[in-house]
Protein backbone atom coordinates (compact mmCIF):
# COMPACT_ATOMS: atom_id res chain seq x y z
CA MET A 1 78.25 130.46 83.32
CA GLU A 2 79.01 128.88 86.69
CA SER A 3 82.62 127.87 85.97
CA GLU A 4 83.62 131.34 84.74
CA GLY A 5 84.03 132.54 88.31
CA ARG A 6 86.36 129.77 89.33
CA GLY A 7 89.81 130.79 90.44
CA ARG A 8 92.71 129.06 88.83
CA GLY A 9 93.91 127.57 92.14
CA ARG A 10 90.59 125.95 92.99
CA HIS A 11 89.91 122.35 92.16
CA SER A 12 87.40 121.13 89.64
CA PRO A 13 85.09 118.15 90.11
CA LEU A 14 87.06 116.39 87.37
CA ALA A 15 90.31 116.90 89.30
CA VAL A 16 88.74 115.48 92.46
CA SER A 17 87.67 112.39 90.52
CA LEU A 18 91.35 111.91 89.62
CA LEU A 19 92.55 112.21 93.21
CA GLU A 20 93.10 108.47 93.68
CA PRO A 21 95.35 107.98 90.65
CA ALA A 22 97.17 111.24 91.41
CA LEU A 23 97.95 110.04 94.95
CA LEU A 24 99.02 106.64 93.63
CA VAL A 25 101.36 108.30 91.11
CA LEU A 26 102.94 110.47 93.80
CA LEU A 27 103.36 107.57 96.21
CA ASN A 28 104.79 105.45 93.41
CA ASP A 29 107.51 108.10 93.07
CA GLN A 30 108.32 108.05 96.79
CA ALA A 31 106.77 107.64 100.24
CA ARG A 32 105.48 110.92 101.63
CA HIS A 33 103.86 112.64 104.58
CA GLY A 34 100.44 114.22 104.07
CA TYR A 35 101.58 117.84 103.83
CA PRO A 36 104.05 117.20 100.98
CA LEU A 37 101.32 115.20 99.22
CA LEU A 38 98.99 118.21 99.40
CA ALA A 39 101.69 120.51 97.99
CA ASP A 40 102.61 118.03 95.26
CA LEU A 41 98.97 117.65 94.21
CA GLU A 42 98.73 121.40 93.76
CA LYS A 43 102.02 121.48 91.81
CA MET A 44 100.69 118.68 89.62
CA GLY A 45 97.82 120.94 88.59
CA MET A 46 95.06 119.45 90.74
CA GLY A 47 94.26 122.84 92.27
CA THR A 48 93.65 123.31 95.96
CA ILE A 49 91.80 120.31 97.34
CA HIS A 50 90.73 120.55 100.96
CA PRO A 51 93.04 118.49 103.20
CA SER A 52 90.09 116.61 104.71
CA VAL A 53 89.20 115.25 101.25
CA VAL A 54 92.79 114.13 100.66
CA TYR A 55 93.17 112.49 104.09
CA ARG A 56 89.78 110.75 103.76
CA THR A 57 90.89 109.40 100.37
CA LEU A 58 94.19 108.23 101.88
CA ARG A 59 92.29 106.41 104.66
CA ASP A 60 89.99 104.78 102.09
CA MET A 61 92.97 103.71 99.97
CA GLU A 62 94.63 102.25 103.06
CA GLU A 63 91.50 100.25 103.88
CA LEU A 64 91.61 98.90 100.31
CA GLU A 65 95.28 97.97 100.92
CA TRP A 66 96.49 100.14 98.02
CA ILE A 67 98.73 102.05 100.40
CA GLN A 68 100.07 101.60 103.90
CA SER A 69 101.09 104.13 106.48
CA THR A 70 103.49 104.12 109.38
CA TRP A 71 104.15 106.69 112.07
CA ASP A 72 107.37 108.65 111.71
CA GLY A 73 108.55 110.46 114.80
CA ASP A 74 112.23 110.58 113.88
CA GLU A 75 112.17 113.03 110.96
CA THR A 76 109.93 115.69 112.45
CA GLN A 77 110.13 118.38 115.07
CA GLY A 78 106.86 117.90 116.82
CA PRO A 79 104.31 115.13 116.89
CA PRO A 80 104.82 112.01 114.78
CA ARG A 81 103.35 112.09 111.28
CA ARG A 82 102.12 109.35 109.01
CA VAL A 83 104.26 108.31 106.08
CA TYR A 84 102.26 106.84 103.20
CA ARG A 85 103.71 104.17 100.88
CA LEU A 86 102.36 102.33 97.87
CA THR A 87 101.77 98.60 98.30
CA GLU A 88 102.05 95.87 95.66
CA ARG A 89 98.27 95.93 95.38
CA GLY A 90 98.47 99.70 94.88
CA GLU A 91 100.94 99.20 92.05
CA GLU A 92 98.44 96.93 90.32
CA VAL A 93 95.65 99.47 90.85
CA LEU A 94 97.89 102.17 89.38
CA LYS A 95 98.40 100.04 86.26
CA HIS A 96 94.61 99.70 85.95
CA TRP A 97 94.17 103.47 86.41
CA ARG A 98 96.78 104.08 83.70
CA GLU A 99 94.73 102.06 81.19
CA GLU A 100 91.53 103.78 82.30
CA MET A 101 93.10 107.21 81.90
CA LYS A 102 94.34 106.35 78.41
CA SER A 103 90.76 105.54 77.43
CA ILE A 104 89.47 108.72 79.03
CA ARG A 105 92.15 110.76 77.22
CA GLU A 106 90.60 109.60 73.93
CA LEU A 107 87.15 110.62 75.14
CA LEU A 108 88.43 114.02 76.29
CA SER A 109 90.12 114.55 72.93
CA GLU A 110 86.85 113.82 71.16
CA LEU A 111 84.89 116.17 73.42
CA ILE A 112 87.44 118.95 72.99
CA SER A 113 87.51 118.59 69.23
CA ARG A 114 83.71 118.76 69.11
CA THR A 115 83.75 122.01 71.06
CA ASP A 116 86.46 123.77 69.04
CA ASN A 117 83.86 125.98 67.38
CA VAL A 118 82.03 126.88 70.59
């Protein structure tokens, strides 16, 4: 089976589809630079998602006005880095995602229970 060879640290397609709400959750907790976001995603159990995918998603979310970024040159040794923050619109989107994920949890439960004997 194709998924049998997957390493535990790699991401799954399902995890990637949950990247937006995961980023919104993390940014709801506190504003962050990109590198801490990548580390926190992995700690959250998302696996290792390529940074280009995460940064592209952050750019898309900023275009949708779910998040905003500012340059921070004060807190770093080296070039300035972007700090990402959740916007009011992002908070509303996160509420919508929460309801969507609750519905999906029920679907996942059903699928898991139907595969208990597999």
